[in-house]
């Protein structure tokens, strides 16, 4: 199961890299979102599935599960959502100002 997750992370990184290398700003933003999902899945895969009780004091004396990977993923999801929303607002403003979303046309004037 873990090898399948690693392959899926590789596919997501490949798709995200392909989208980031595009000339369209929306594809670049979607590529960063896909790359962030790949990182979330990678953290979940590396953290692994551990069995045990909830880490509450006085509940049991057995082994406890580690909640750190889930906390890291939740934090990363919030940060990637905020970053994606900010980039979408910037892309909208850029399109309204320049009339295009092609990165090669946003390089400035020809006399520079």
PDB file of N, CA and C in Angstrom:
ATOM      1  N   UNK A   1       0.820  -1.192   0.000  1.00  0.00           N
ATOM      2  CA  UNK A   1       0.000   0.000   0.000  1.00  0.00           C
ATOM      3  C   UNK A   1       0.867   1.261   0.000  1.00  0.00           C
ATOM      4  N   UNK A   2       1.962   1.226   0.755  1.00  0.00           N
ATOM      5  CA  UNK A   2       2.832   2.400   0.810  1.00  0.00           C
ATOM      6  C   UNK A   2       3.520   2.650  -0.525  1.00  0.00           C
ATOM      7  N   UNK A   3       3.860   1.581  -1.235  1.00  0.00           N
ATOM      8  CA  UNK A   3       4.506   1.783  -2.536  1.00  0.00           C
ATOM      9  C   UNK A   3       3.542   2.420  -3.536  1.00  0.00           C
ATOM     10  N   UNK A   4       2.267   2.087  -3.430  1.00  0.00           N
ATOM     11  CA  UNK A   4       1.261   2.716  -4.281  1.00  0.00           C
ATOM     12  C   UNK A   4       1.140   4.205  -3.973  1.00  0.00           C
ATOM     13  N   UNK A   5       1.216   4.552  -2.698  1.00  0.00           N
ATOM     14  CA  UNK A   5       1.147   5.963  -2.301  1.00  0.00           C
ATOM     15  C   UNK A   5       2.364   6.732  -2.801  1.00  0.00           C
ATOM     16  N   UNK A   6       3.523   6.108  -2.767  1.00  0.00           N
ATOM     17  CA  UNK A   6       4.736   6.755  -3.255  1.00  0.00           C
ATOM     18  C   UNK A   6       4.642   6.981  -4.763  1.00  0.00           C
ATOM     19  N   UNK A   7       4.091   6.027  -5.487  1.00  0.00           N
ATOM     20  CA  UNK A   7       3.899   6.188  -6.936  1.00  0.00           C
ATOM     21  C   UNK A   7       2.913   7.321  -7.208  1.00  0.00           C
ATOM     22  N   UNK A   8       1.854   7.403  -6.413  1.00  0.00           N
ATOM     23  CA  UNK A   8       0.880   8.474  -6.574  1.00  0.00           C
ATOM     24  C   UNK A   8       1.513   9.837  -6.278  1.00  0.00           C
ATOM     25  N   UNK A   9       2.380   9.903  -5.278  1.00  0.00           N
ATOM     26  CA  UNK A   9       3.102  11.147  -4.993  1.00  0.00           C
ATOM     27  C   UNK A   9       3.968  11.523  -6.192  1.00  0.00           C
ATOM     28  N   UNK A  10       4.643  10.550  -6.791  1.00  0.00           N
ATOM     29  CA  UNK A  10       5.462  10.813  -7.971  1.00  0.00           C
ATOM     30  C   UNK A  10       4.648  11.327  -9.141  1.00  0.00           C
ATOM     31  N   UNK A  11       3.475  10.742  -9.352  1.00  0.00           N
ATOM     32  CA  UNK A  11       2.597  11.199 -10.443  1.00  0.00           C
ATOM     33  C   UNK A  11       2.123  12.626 -10.178  1.00  0.00           C
ATOM     34  N   UNK A  12       1.735  12.911  -8.939  1.00  0.00           N
ATOM     35  CA  UNK A  12       1.281  14.263  -8.614  1.00  0.00           C
ATOM     36  C   UNK A  12       2.408  15.291  -8.765  1.00  0.00           C
ATOM     37  N   UNK A  13       3.619  14.924  -8.369  1.00  0.00           N
ATOM     38  CA  UNK A  13       4.757  15.834  -8.543  1.00  0.00           C
ATOM     39  C   UNK A  13       5.030  16.052 -10.025  1.00  0.00           C
ATOM     40  N   UNK A  14       4.921  15.010 -10.821  1.00  0.00           N
ATOM     41  CA  UNK A  14       5.139  15.153 -12.265  1.00  0.00           C
ATOM     42  C   UNK A  14       4.094  16.074 -12.900  1.00  0.00           C
ATOM     43  N   UNK A  15       2.832  15.860 -12.565  1.00  0.00           N
ATOM     44  CA  UNK A  15       1.762  16.691 -13.116  1.00  0.00           C
ATOM     45  C   UNK A  15       1.914  18.129 -12.633  1.00  0.00           C
ATOM     46  N   UNK A  16       2.228  18.308 -11.348  1.00  0.00           N
ATOM     47  CA  UNK A  16       2.417  19.651 -10.813  1.00  0.00           C
ATOM     48  C   UNK A  16       3.574  20.379 -11.460  1.00  0.00           C
ATOM     49  N   UNK A  17       4.680  19.677 -11.685  1.00  0.00           N
ATOM     50  CA  UNK A  17       5.833  20.287 -12.344  1.00  0.00           C
ATOM     51  C   UNK A  17       5.499  20.670 -13.777  1.00  0.00           C
ATOM     52  N   UNK A  18       4.770  19.807 -14.483  1.00  0.00           N
ATOM     53  CA  UNK A  18       4.358  20.115 -15.852  1.00  0.00           C
ATOM     54  C   UNK A  18       3.492  21.372 -15.878  1.00  0.00           C
ATOM     55  N   UNK A  19       2.575  21.489 -14.934  1.00  0.00           N
ATOM     56  CA  UNK A  19       1.695  22.656 -14.911  1.00  0.00           C
ATOM     57  C   UNK A  19       2.447  23.927 -14.522  1.00  0.00           C
ATOM     58  N   UNK A  20       3.393  23.823 -13.603  1.00  0.00           N
ATOM     59  CA  UNK A  20       4.161  25.003 -13.187  1.00  0.00           C
ATOM     60  C   UNK A  20       5.023  25.524 -14.329  1.00  0.00           C
ATOM     61  N   UNK A  21       5.504  24.644 -15.197  1.00  0.00           N
ATOM     62  CA  UNK A  21       6.348  25.057 -16.308  1.00  0.00           C
ATOM     63  C   UNK A  21       5.559  25.605 -17.500  1.00  0.00           C
ATOM     64  N   UNK A  22       4.260  25.737 -17.355  1.00  0.00           N
ATOM     65  CA  UNK A  22       3.409  26.259 -18.418  1.00  0.00           C
ATOM     66  C   UNK A  22       3.535  27.782 -18.516  1.00  0.00           C
ATOM     67  N   UNK A  23       3.009  28.355 -19.586  1.00  0.00           N
ATOM     68  CA  UNK A  23       3.033  29.812 -19.772  1.00  0.00           C
ATOM     69  C   UNK A  23       1.755  30.469 -19.292  1.00  0.00           C
ATOM     70  N   UNK A  24       0.744  29.692 -18.987  1.00  0.00           N
ATOM     71  CA  UNK A  24      -0.536  30.205 -18.538  1.00  0.00           C
ATOM     72  C   UNK A  24      -0.510  30.339 -17.009  1.00  0.00           C
ATOM     73  N   UNK A  25      -0.932  31.492 -16.499  1.00  0.00           N
ATOM     74  CA  UNK A  25      -0.850  31.753 -15.065  1.00  0.00           C
ATOM     75  C   UNK A  25      -1.787  30.837 -14.277  1.00  0.00           C
ATOM     76  N   UNK A  26      -2.959  30.563 -14.795  1.00  0.00           N
ATOM     77  CA  UNK A  26      -3.894  29.687 -14.087  1.00  0.00           C
ATOM     78  C   UNK A  26      -3.318  28.277 -13.967  1.00  0.00           C
ATOM     79  N   UNK A  27      -2.668  27.801 -15.014  1.00  0.00           N
ATOM     80  CA  UNK A  27      -2.026  26.482 -14.937  1.00  0.00           C
ATOM     81  C   UNK A  27      -0.897  26.471 -13.918  1.00  0.00           C
ATOM     82  N   UNK A  28      -0.176  27.569 -13.811  1.00  0.00           N
ATOM     83  CA  UNK A  28       0.898  27.660 -12.815  1.00  0.00           C
ATOM     84  C   UNK A  28       0.316  27.585 -11.408  1.00  0.00           C
ATOM     85  N   UNK A  29      -0.781  28.272 -11.183  1.00  0.00           N
ATOM     86  CA  UNK A  29      -1.424  28.243  -9.864  1.00  0.00           C
ATOM     87  C   UNK A  29      -1.959  26.848  -9.562  1.00  0.00           C
ATOM     88  N   UNK A  30      -2.588  26.211 -10.546  1.00  0.00           N
ATOM     89  CA  UNK A  30      -3.064  24.842 -10.342  1.00  0.00           C
ATOM     90  C   UNK A  30      -1.903  23.882 -10.099  1.00  0.00           C
ATOM     91  N   UNK A  31      -0.775  24.131 -10.757  1.00  0.00           N
ATOM     92  CA  UNK A  31       0.410  23.302 -10.534  1.00  0.00           C
ATOM     93  C   UNK A  31       0.928  23.410  -9.114  1.00  0.00           C
ATOM     94  N   UNK A  32       0.928  24.619  -8.558  1.00  0.00           N
ATOM     95  CA  UNK A  32       1.358  24.759  -7.165  1.00  0.00           C
ATOM     96  C   UNK A  32       0.378  24.074  -6.215  1.00  0.00           C
ATOM     97  N   UNK A  33      -0.904  24.105  -6.543  1.00  0.00           N
ATOM     98  CA  UNK A  33      -1.892  23.409  -5.712  1.00  0.00           C
ATOM     99  C   UNK A  33      -1.687  21.899  -5.775  1.00  0.00           C
ATOM    100  N   UNK A  34      -1.427  21.369  -6.961  1.00  0.00           N
ATOM    101  CA  UNK A  34      -1.190  19.929  -7.101  1.00  0.00           C
ATOM    102  C   UNK A  34       0.094  19.525  -6.378  1.00  0.00           C
ATOM    103  N   UNK A  35       1.126  20.363  -6.460  1.00  0.00           N
ATOM    104  CA  UNK A  35       2.364  20.073  -5.735  1.00  0.00           C
ATOM    105  C   UNK A  35       2.134  20.074  -4.226  1.00  0.00           C
ATOM    106  N   UNK A  36       1.306  20.980  -3.739  1.00  0.00           N
ATOM    107  CA  UNK A  36       1.030  20.977  -2.303  1.00  0.00           C
ATOM    108  C   UNK A  36       0.260  19.725  -1.889  1.00  0.00           C
ATOM    109  N   UNK A  37      -0.655  19.253  -2.737  1.00  0.00           N
ATOM    110  CA  UNK A  37      -1.351  17.996  -2.438  1.00  0.00           C
ATOM    111  C   UNK A  37      -0.379  16.817  -2.432  1.00  0.00           C
ATOM    112  N   UNK A  38       0.605  16.855  -3.311  1.00  0.00           N
ATOM    113  CA  UNK A  38       1.614  15.799  -3.320  1.00  0.00           C
ATOM    114  C   UNK A  38       2.414  15.800  -2.025  1.00  0.00           C
ATOM    115  N   UNK A  39       2.731  16.979  -1.519  1.00  0.00           N
ATOM    116  CA  UNK A  39       3.465  17.066  -0.255  1.00  0.00           C
ATOM    117  C   UNK A  39       2.611  16.564   0.898  1.00  0.00           C
ATOM    118  N   UNK A  40       1.320  16.872   0.899  1.00  0.00           N
ATOM    119  CA  UNK A  40       0.427  16.374   1.947  1.00  0.00           C
ATOM    120  C   UNK A  40       0.404  14.848   1.941  1.00  0.00           C
ATOM    121  N   UNK A  41       0.278  14.282   0.768  1.00  0.00           N
ATOM    122  CA  UNK A  41       0.252  12.825   0.655  1.00  0.00           C
ATOM    123  C   UNK A  41       1.589  12.211   1.054  1.00  0.00           C
ATOM    124  N   UNK A  42       2.684  12.889   0.736  1.00  0.00           N
ATOM    125  CA  UNK A  42       4.002  12.400   1.120  1.00  0.00           C
ATOM    126  C   UNK A  42       4.171  12.406   2.631  1.00  0.00           C
ATOM    127  N   UNK A  43       3.733  13.467   3.296  1.00  0.00           N
ATOM    128  CA  UNK A  43       3.817  13.516   4.760  1.00  0.00           C
ATOM    129  C   UNK A  43       2.971  12.414   5.377  1.00  0.00           C
ATOM    130  N   UNK A  44       1.790  12.180   4.820  1.00  0.00           N
ATOM    131  CA  UNK A  44       0.924  11.118   5.329  1.00  0.00           C
ATOM    132  C   UNK A  44       1.552   9.750   5.127  1.00  0.00           C
ATOM    133  N   UNK A  45       2.192   9.542   3.988  1.00  0.00           N
ATOM    134  CA  UNK A  45       2.829   8.258   3.704  1.00  0.00           C
ATOM    135  C   UNK A  45       4.036   8.026   4.601  1.00  0.00           C
ATOM    136  N   UNK A  46       4.851   9.055   4.783  1.00  0.00           N
ATOM    137  CA  UNK A  46       6.038   8.910   5.628  1.00  0.00           C
ATOM    138  C   UNK A  46       5.634   8.719   7.078  1.00  0.00           C
ATOM    139  N   UNK A  47       4.552   9.384   7.507  1.00  0.00           N
ATOM    140  CA  UNK A  47       4.076   9.224   8.878  1.00  0.00           C
ATOM    141  C   UNK A  47       3.584   7.826   9.162  1.00  0.00           C
ATOM    142  N   UNK A  48       3.028   7.179   8.163  1.00  0.00           N
ATOM    143  CA  UNK A  48       2.567   5.801   8.305  1.00  0.00           C
ATOM    144  C   UNK A  48       1.301   5.679   9.134  1.00  0.00           C
ATOM    145  N   UNK A  49       0.745   4.491   9.125  1.00  0.00           N
ATOM    146  CA  UNK A  49      -0.445   4.185   9.903  1.00  0.00           C
ATOM    147  C   UNK A  49      -0.006   3.447  11.158  1.00  0.00           C
ATOM    148  N   UNK A  50      -0.206   4.067  12.282  1.00  0.00           N
ATOM    149  CA  UNK A  50       0.207   3.470  13.545  1.00  0.00           C
ATOM    150  C   UNK A  50      -1.029   3.137  14.361  1.00  0.00           C
ATOM    151  N   UNK A  51      -0.986   2.013  15.009  1.00  0.00           N
ATOM    152  CA  UNK A  51      -2.114   1.610  15.847  1.00  0.00           C
ATOM    153  C   UNK A  51      -1.791   1.943  17.295  1.00  0.00           C
ATOM    154  N   UNK A  52      -2.801   2.287  18.032  1.00  0.00           N
ATOM    155  CA  UNK A  52      -2.639   2.622  19.433  1.00  0.00           C
ATOM    156  C   UNK A  52      -3.812   3.451  19.908  1.00  0.00           C
ATOM    157  N   UNK A  53      -3.721   3.850  21.160  1.00  0.00           N
ATOM    158  CA  UNK A  53      -4.797   4.632  21.758  1.00  0.00           C
ATOM    159  C   UNK A  53      -4.581   6.118  21.547  1.00  0.00           C
ATOM    160  N   UNK A  54      -5.608   6.860  21.911  1.00  0.00           N
ATOM    161  CA  UNK A  54      -5.544   8.312  21.837  1.00  0.00           C
ATOM    162  C   UNK A  54      -4.609   8.818  22.937  1.00  0.00           C
ATOM    163  N   UNK A  55      -3.736   9.775  22.641  1.00  0.00           N
ATOM    164  CA  UNK A  55      -2.799  10.250  23.665  1.00  0.00           C
ATOM    165  C   UNK A  55      -3.451  11.202  24.676  1.00  0.00           C
ATOM    166  N   UNK A  56      -4.323  10.635  25.516  1.00  0.00           N
ATOM    167  CA  UNK A  56      -4.981  11.391  26.573  1.00  0.00           C
ATOM    168  C   UNK A  56      -4.492  10.835  27.903  1.00  0.00           C
ATOM    169  N   UNK A  57      -4.157  11.712  28.823  1.00  0.00           N
ATOM    170  CA  UNK A  57      -3.642  11.271  30.112  1.00  0.00           C
ATOM    171  C   UNK A  57      -4.687  10.475  30.875  1.00  0.00           C
ATOM    172  N   UNK A  58      -4.273   9.353  31.400  1.00  0.00           N
ATOM    173  CA  UNK A  58      -5.144   8.527  32.216  1.00  0.00           C
ATOM    174  C   UNK A  58      -6.066   7.600  31.447  1.00  0.00           C
ATOM    175  N   UNK A  59      -6.000   7.566  30.129  1.00  0.00           N
ATOM    176  CA  UNK A  59      -6.932   6.714  29.384  1.00  0.00           C
ATOM    177  C   UNK A  59      -6.433   5.275  29.298  1.00  0.00           C
ATOM    178  N   UNK A  60      -5.151   5.080  29.034  1.00  0.00           N
ATOM    179  CA  UNK A  60      -4.590   3.732  28.982  1.00  0.00           C
ATOM    180  C   UNK A  60      -3.089   3.811  29.156  1.00  0.00           C
ATOM    181  N   UNK A  61      -2.475   2.655  29.335  1.00  0.00           N
ATOM    182  CA  UNK A  61      -1.029   2.608  29.516  1.00  0.00           C
ATOM    183  C   UNK A  61      -0.318   2.024  28.306  1.00  0.00           C
ATOM    184  N   UNK A  62      -1.064   1.724  27.263  1.00  0.00           N
ATOM    185  CA  UNK A  62      -0.494   1.103  26.068  1.00  0.00           C
ATOM    186  C   UNK A  62       0.194   2.106  25.170  1.00  0.00           C
ATOM    187  N   UNK A  63       0.584   1.649  23.984  1.00  0.00           N
ATOM    188  CA  UNK A  63       1.227   2.577  23.032  1.00  0.00           C
ATOM    189  C   UNK A  63       0.215   3.600  22.503  1.00  0.00           C
ATOM    190  N   UNK A  64       0.713   4.781  22.228  1.00  0.00           N
ATOM    191  CA  UNK A  64      -0.128   5.870  21.726  1.00  0.00           C
ATOM    192  C   UNK A  64       0.192   6.147  20.265  1.00  0.00           C
ATOM    193  N   UNK A  65      -0.786   6.706  19.577  1.00  0.00           N
ATOM    194  CA  UNK A  65      -0.548   7.113  18.189  1.00  0.00           C
ATOM    195  C   UNK A  65       0.116   8.481  18.174  1.00  0.00           C
ATOM    196  N   UNK A  66       0.836   8.741  17.103  1.00  0.00           N
ATOM    197  CA  UNK A  66       1.512  10.023  16.941  1.00  0.00           C
ATOM    198  C   UNK A  66       0.636  10.933  16.096  1.00  0.00           C
ATOM    199  N   UNK A  67       0.219  12.053  16.655  1.00  0.00           N
ATOM    200  CA  UNK A  67      -0.661  12.979  15.945  1.00  0.00           C
ATOM    201  C   UNK A  67       0.109  14.042  15.174  1.00  0.00           C
ATOM    202  N   UNK A  68       1.425  14.004  15.202  1.00  0.00           N
ATOM    203  CA  UNK A  68       2.214  15.035  14.538  1.00  0.00           C
ATOM    204  C   UNK A  68       2.020  15.061  13.014  1.00  0.00           C
ATOM    205  N   UNK A  69       2.023  13.912  12.298  1.00  0.00           N
ATOM    206  CA  UNK A  69       1.809  13.999  10.840  1.00  0.00           C
ATOM    207  C   UNK A  69       0.461  14.624  10.465  1.00  0.00           C
ATOM    208  N   UNK A  70      -0.591  14.284  11.217  1.00  0.00           N
ATOM    209  CA  UNK A  70      -1.895  14.874  10.907  1.00  0.00           C
ATOM    210  C   UNK A  70      -1.908  16.366  11.194  1.00  0.00           C
ATOM    211  N   UNK A  71      -1.230  16.797  12.252  1.00  0.00           N
ATOM    212  CA  UNK A  71      -1.167  18.227  12.565  1.00  0.00           C
ATOM    213  C   UNK A  71      -0.369  18.979  11.498  1.00  0.00           C
ATOM    214  N   UNK A  72       0.718  18.377  11.025  1.00  0.00           N
ATOM    215  CA  UNK A  72       1.508  19.011   9.964  1.00  0.00           C
ATOM    216  C   UNK A  72       0.706  19.120   8.673  1.00  0.00           C
ATOM    217  N   UNK A  73      -0.041  18.076   8.343  1.00  0.00           N
ATOM    218  CA  UNK A  73      -0.847  18.095   7.120  1.00  0.00           C
ATOM    219  C   UNK A  73      -1.954  19.144   7.220  1.00  0.00           C
ATOM    220  N   UNK A  74      -2.601  19.231   8.384  1.00  0.00           N
ATOM    221  CA  UNK A  74      -3.654  20.228   8.552  1.00  0.00           C
ATOM    222  C   UNK A  74      -3.099  21.636   8.414  1.00  0.00           C
ATOM    223  N   UNK A  75      -1.936  21.880   8.997  1.00  0.00           N
ATOM    224  CA  UNK A  75      -1.304  23.195   8.862  1.00  0.00           C
ATOM    225  C   UNK A  75      -0.929  23.471   7.415  1.00  0.00           C
ATOM    226  N   UNK A  76      -0.401  22.472   6.729  1.00  0.00           N
ATOM    227  CA  UNK A  76      -0.007  22.645   5.328  1.00  0.00           C
ATOM    228  C   UNK A  76      -1.220  22.882   4.435  1.00  0.00           C
ATOM    229  N   UNK A  77      -2.348  22.249   4.739  1.00  0.00           N
ATOM    230  CA  UNK A  77      -3.564  22.464   3.957  1.00  0.00           C
ATOM    231  C   UNK A  77      -4.041  23.904   4.093  1.00  0.00           C
ATOM    232  N   UNK A  78      -4.027  24.424   5.305  1.00  0.00           N
ATOM    233  CA  UNK A  78      -4.467  25.801   5.528  1.00  0.00           C
ATOM    234  C   UNK A  78      -3.544  26.780   4.809  1.00  0.00           C
ATOM    235  N   UNK A  79      -2.238  26.561   4.910  1.00  0.00           N
ATOM    236  CA  UNK A  79      -1.285  27.462   4.262  1.00  0.00           C
ATOM    237  C   UNK A  79      -1.411  27.386   2.743  1.00  0.00           C
ATOM    238  N   UNK A  80      -1.552  26.184   2.183  1.00  0.00           N
ATOM    239  CA  UNK A  80      -1.666  26.064   0.726  1.00  0.00           C
ATOM    240  C   UNK A  80      -2.983  26.641   0.221  1.00  0.00           C
ATOM    241  N   UNK A  81      -4.058  26.518   0.993  1.00  0.00           N
ATOM    242  CA  UNK A  81      -5.324  27.127   0.589  1.00  0.00           C
ATOM    243  C   UNK A  81      -5.202  28.644   0.562  1.00  0.00           C
ATOM    244  N   UNK A  82      -4.588  29.223   1.581  1.00  0.00           N
ATOM    245  CA  UNK A  82      -4.424  30.676   1.623  1.00  0.00           C
ATOM    246  C   UNK A  82      -3.518  31.161   0.492  1.00  0.00           C
ATOM    247  N   UNK A  83      -2.461  30.425   0.218  1.00  0.00           N
ATOM    248  CA  UNK A  83      -1.550  30.798  -0.862  1.00  0.00           C
ATOM    249  C   UNK A  83      -2.247  30.709  -2.217  1.00  0.00           C
ATOM    250  N   UNK A  84      -3.013  29.655  -2.433  1.00  0.00           N
ATOM    251  CA  UNK A  84      -3.735  29.497  -3.691  1.00  0.00           C
ATOM    252  C   UNK A  84      -4.775  30.600  -3.868  1.00  0.00           C
ATOM    253  N   UNK A  85      -5.493  30.930  -2.807  1.00  0.00           N
ATOM    254  CA  UNK A  85      -6.486  32.006  -2.891  1.00  0.00           C
ATOM    255  C   UNK A  85      -5.815  33.337  -3.211  1.00  0.00           C
ATOM    256  N   UNK A  86      -4.679  33.620  -2.579  1.00  0.00           N
ATOM    257  CA  UNK A  86      -3.952  34.862  -2.845  1.00  0.00           C
ATOM    258  C   UNK A  86      -3.452  34.908  -4.283  1.00  0.00           C
ATOM    259  N   UNK A  87      -2.924  33.788  -4.772  1.00  0.00           N
ATOM    260  CA  UNK A  87      -2.435  33.756  -6.153  1.00  0.00           C
ATOM    261  C   UNK A  87      -3.572  33.908  -7.162  1.00  0.00           C
ATOM    262  N   UNK A  88      -4.733  33.346  -6.860  1.00  0.00           N
ATOM    263  CA  UNK A  88      -5.878  33.515  -7.756  1.00  0.00           C
ATOM    264  C   UNK A  88      -6.337  34.972  -7.813  1.00  0.00           C
ATOM    265  N   UNK A  89      -6.317  35.662  -6.674  1.00  0.00           N
ATOM    266  CA  UNK A  89      -6.671  37.082  -6.668  1.00  0.00           C
ATOM    267  C   UNK A  89      -5.644  37.882  -7.465  1.00  0.00           C
ATOM    268  N   UNK A  90      -4.366  37.575  -7.309  1.00  0.00           N
ATOM    269  CA  UNK A  90      -3.337  38.261  -8.086  1.00  0.00           C
ATOM    270  C   UNK A  90      -3.494  37.994  -9.580  1.00  0.00           C
ATOM    271  N   UNK A  91      -3.828  36.746  -9.939  1.00  0.00           N
ATOM    272  CA  UNK A  91      -4.013  36.420 -11.352  1.00  0.00           C
ATOM    273  C   UNK A  91      -5.217  37.154 -11.929  1.00  0.00           C
ATOM    274  N   UNK A  92      -6.280  37.263 -11.158  1.00  0.00           N
ATOM    275  CA  UNK A  92      -7.460  37.994 -11.620  1.00  0.00           C
ATOM    276  C   UNK A  92      -7.127  39.464 -11.844  1.00  0.00           C
ATOM    277  N   UNK A  93      -6.428  40.054 -10.897  1.00  0.00           N
ATOM    278  CA  UNK A  93      -6.043  41.466 -11.028  1.00  0.00           C
ATOM    279  C   UNK A  93      -5.083  41.674 -12.205  1.00  0.00           C
ATOM    280  N   UNK A  94      -4.169  40.731 -12.387  1.00  0.00           N
ATOM    281  CA  UNK A  94      -3.226  40.823 -13.497  1.00  0.00           C
ATOM    282  C   UNK A  94      -3.963  40.727 -14.833  1.00  0.00           C
ATOM    283  N   UNK A  95      -4.949  39.850 -14.923  1.00  0.00           N
ATOM    284  CA  UNK A  95      -5.715  39.722 -16.163  1.00  0.00           C
ATOM    285  C   UNK A  95      -6.536  40.978 -16.436  1.00  0.00           C
ATOM    286  N   UNK A  96      -7.116  41.543 -15.381  1.00  0.00           N
ATOM    287  CA  UNK A  96      -7.896  42.770 -15.568  1.00  0.00           C
ATOM    288  C   UNK A  96      -7.010  43.938 -15.972  1.00  0.00           C
ATOM    289  N   UNK A  97      -5.798  43.996 -15.459  1.00  0.00           N
ATOM    290  CA  UNK A  97      -4.896  45.105 -15.765  1.00  0.00           C
ATOM    291  C   UNK A  97      -4.258  44.955 -17.135  1.00  0.00           C
ATOM    292  N   UNK A  98      -3.765  43.756 -17.459  1.00  0.00           N
ATOM    293  CA  UNK A  98      -2.990  43.546 -18.683  1.00  0.00           C
ATOM    294  C   UNK A  98      -3.782  42.935 -19.832  1.00  0.00           C
ATOM    295  N   UNK A  99      -4.908  42.314 -19.540  1.00  0.00           N
ATOM    296  CA  UNK A  99      -5.716  41.716 -20.590  1.00  0.00           C
ATOM    297  C   UNK A  99      -5.211  40.374 -21.079  1.00  0.00           C
ATOM    298  N   UNK A 100      -4.245  39.788 -20.402  1.00  0.00           N
ATOM    299  CA  UNK A 100      -3.725  38.479 -20.798  1.00  0.00           C
ATOM    300  C   UNK A 100      -3.266  37.719 -19.559  1.00  0.00           C
ATOM    301  N   UNK A 101      -3.203  36.399 -19.701  1.00  0.00           N
ATOM    302  CA  UNK A 101      -2.660  35.584 -18.622  1.00  0.00           C
ATOM    303  C   UNK A 101      -1.439  34.790 -19.092  1.00  0.00           C
ATOM    304  N   UNK A 102      -0.887  35.188 -20.203  1.00  0.00           N
ATOM    305  CA  UNK A 102       0.311  34.547 -20.742  1.00  0.00           C
ATOM    306  C   UNK A 102       1.543  35.200 -20.116  1.00  0.00           C
ATOM    307  N   UNK A 103       2.393  34.401 -19.526  1.00  0.00           N
ATOM    308  CA  UNK A 103       3.561  34.914 -18.817  1.00  0.00           C
ATOM    309  C   UNK A 103       4.552  35.563 -19.779  1.00  0.00           C
ATOM    310  N   UNK A 104       4.688  35.040 -20.982  1.00  0.00           N
ATOM    311  CA  UNK A 104       5.660  35.590 -21.922  1.00  0.00           C
ATOM    312  C   UNK A 104       5.276  36.992 -22.406  1.00  0.00           C
ATOM    313  N   UNK A 105       3.997  37.325 -22.368  1.00  0.00           N
ATOM    314  CA  UNK A 105       3.555  38.651 -22.771  1.00  0.00           C
ATOM    315  C   UNK A 105       3.651  39.674 -21.636  1.00  0.00           C
ATOM    316  N   UNK A 106       3.983  39.226 -20.445  1.00  0.00           N
ATOM    317  CA  UNK A 106       4.041  40.123 -19.286  1.00  0.00           C
ATOM    318  C   UNK A 106       5.467  40.558 -18.973  1.00  0.00           C
ATOM    319  N   UNK A 107       6.378  40.391 -19.893  1.00  0.00           N
ATOM    320  CA  UNK A 107       7.780  40.682 -19.633  1.00  0.00           C
ATOM    321  C   UNK A 107       8.146  42.156 -19.746  1.00  0.00           C
ATOM    322  N   UNK A 108       7.250  42.981 -20.185  1.00  0.00           N
ATOM    323  CA  UNK A 108       7.525  44.404 -20.309  1.00  0.00           C
ATOM    324  C   UNK A 108       7.496  44.827 -21.763  1.00  0.00           C
ATOM    325  N   UNK A 109       7.979  46.030 -22.016  1.00  0.00           N
ATOM    326  CA  UNK A 109       7.977  46.545 -23.375  1.00  0.00           C
ATOM    327  C   UNK A 109       9.192  46.041 -24.148  1.00  0.00           C
ATOM    328  N   UNK A 110       9.139  46.208 -25.466  1.00  0.00           N
ATOM    329  CA  UNK A 110      10.218  45.684 -26.307  1.00  0.00           C
ATOM    330  C   UNK A 110      11.485  46.526 -26.232  1.00  0.00           C
ATOM    331  N   UNK A 111      11.395  47.756 -25.747  1.00  0.00           N
ATOM    332  CA  UNK A 111      12.579  48.611 -25.692  1.00  0.00           C
ATOM    333  C   UNK A 111      13.383  48.441 -24.415  1.00  0.00           C
ATOM    334  N   UNK A 112      12.972  47.573 -23.528  1.00  0.00           N
ATOM    335  CA  UNK A 112      13.720  47.348 -22.282  1.00  0.00           C
ATOM    336  C   UNK A 112      14.859  46.403 -22.488  1.00  0.00           C
TER     337      UNK A 112
END
